[in-house]
Amino acid sequence: MKSYYVYILASKRNGTSYVGVTSNLVKRINEHKEGAVLGFSKRYNVKKLVYYEETNDVQIALQREKRLKKWKRQWKLDLIEKENPTWRDLSNNFS
């Protein structure tokens, strides 16, 4: 069964954030970190994985991404704080 991930990257604690979706979280986060993803995340140096969710349904993942992108900034900060209160880079667990 295939997994899909909705993720939030941040430049730093309470900094600029980016919401994305992917079917390969490790590869996608590495692309962000290496600057291979052109656009917002590269322009604003948003590379720290601070939150992610996993689902087996691509439609649910896409809907969740769209919903999170429309959320108020404070709601996203609260979501991150609830799951990752120290704002550690969760991609450090990928090794």
Protein backbone atom coordinates (compact mmCIF):
# COMPACT_ATOMS: atom_id res chain seq x y z
CA MET A 1 0.00 0.00 0.00
CA LYS A 2 1.36 3.42 -0.98
CA SER A 3 1.76 6.23 1.55
CA TYR A 4 1.25 9.94 1.00
CA TYR A 5 2.51 12.69 3.26
CA VAL A 6 1.36 16.20 4.00
CA TYR A 7 4.22 18.15 5.55
CA ILE A 8 5.13 21.53 6.96
CA LEU A 9 8.59 23.01 6.59
CA ALA A 10 9.78 26.05 8.53
CA SER A 11 12.72 28.41 8.26
CA LYS A 12 12.98 28.52 12.08
CA ARG A 13 10.68 28.48 15.11
CA ASN A 14 7.70 30.74 14.33
CA GLY A 15 9.37 31.61 11.02
CA THR A 16 8.22 31.27 7.45
CA SER A 17 6.36 28.02 6.74
CA TYR A 18 5.59 25.93 3.68
CA VAL A 19 2.93 23.21 3.29
CA GLY A 20 3.44 20.43 0.74
CA VAL A 21 2.38 16.92 -0.22
CA THR A 22 4.44 14.00 -1.53
CA SER A 23 4.50 10.24 -1.89
CA ASN A 24 8.20 10.06 -0.94
CA LEU A 25 8.85 12.17 2.13
CA VAL A 26 12.57 11.43 2.51
CA LYS A 27 13.34 12.25 -1.12
CA ARG A 28 11.20 15.39 -1.15
CA ILE A 29 12.67 16.81 2.06
CA ASN A 30 16.19 16.14 0.75
CA GLU A 31 15.25 18.04 -2.43
CA HIS A 32 14.13 21.00 -0.32
CA LYS A 33 17.31 20.88 1.78
CA GLU A 34 19.53 20.74 -1.32
CA GLY A 35 17.69 23.65 -2.96
CA ALA A 36 16.51 21.46 -5.84
CA VAL A 37 12.91 22.62 -5.38
CA LEU A 38 12.61 25.98 -7.09
CA GLY A 39 10.15 28.50 -5.74
CA PHE A 40 8.93 29.49 -2.31
CA SER A 41 10.88 27.08 -0.11
CA LYS A 42 14.19 27.86 -1.83
CA ARG A 43 13.57 31.61 -1.97
CA TYR A 44 12.77 31.83 1.75
CA ASN A 45 15.21 29.14 2.95
CA VAL A 46 12.42 26.94 4.33
CA LYS A 47 14.12 23.57 4.91
CA LYS A 48 13.30 22.34 8.41
CA LEU A 49 10.68 19.54 8.57
CA VAL A 50 8.59 20.39 11.64
CA TYR A 51 5.37 18.44 10.99
CA TYR A 52 3.99 15.69 8.79
CA GLU A 53 0.99 13.41 8.47
CA GLU A 54 0.73 10.09 6.62
CA THR A 55 -2.25 8.61 4.78
CA ASN A 56 -2.80 5.84 2.24
CA ASP A 57 -5.30 7.91 0.23
CA VAL A 58 -3.90 10.44 -2.23
CA GLN A 59 -7.18 12.39 -2.32
CA ILE A 60 -7.18 12.79 1.46
CA ALA A 61 -3.57 14.00 1.32
CA LEU A 62 -4.34 16.55 -1.40
CA GLN A 63 -7.44 17.80 0.42
CA ARG A 64 -5.52 18.12 3.69
CA GLU A 65 -2.74 20.06 1.97
CA LYS A 66 -5.25 22.51 0.47
CA ARG A 67 -6.99 22.88 3.82
CA LEU A 68 -3.74 23.54 5.71
CA LYS A 69 -2.65 26.10 3.13
CA LYS A 70 -5.84 28.05 3.83
CA TRP A 71 -5.40 27.91 7.62
CA LYS A 72 -4.52 31.01 9.55
CA ARG A 73 -0.85 31.23 10.49
CA GLN A 74 -1.60 30.79 14.21
CA TRP A 75 -3.53 27.56 13.57
CA LYS A 76 -0.49 26.10 11.78
CA LEU A 77 1.82 27.21 14.59
CA ASP A 78 -0.52 25.60 17.12
CA LEU A 79 -0.56 22.34 15.13
CA ILE A 80 3.24 22.26 15.01
CA GLU A 81 3.55 23.15 18.71
CA LYS A 82 1.11 20.39 19.69
CA GLU A 83 3.05 17.65 17.85
CA ASN A 84 6.58 19.07 17.93
CA PRO A 85 6.88 21.59 20.79
CA THR A 86 10.65 21.96 20.43
CA TRP A 87 10.46 22.51 16.66
CA ARG A 88 13.16 19.92 16.06
CA ASP A 89 13.91 18.95 12.48
CA LEU A 90 12.02 15.67 12.08
CA SER A 91 14.06 14.76 9.00
CA ASN A 92 17.01 14.06 11.30
CA ASN A 93 15.22 10.78 12.08
CA PHE A 94 15.44 9.64 8.42
CA SER A 95 19.04 8.39 8.52
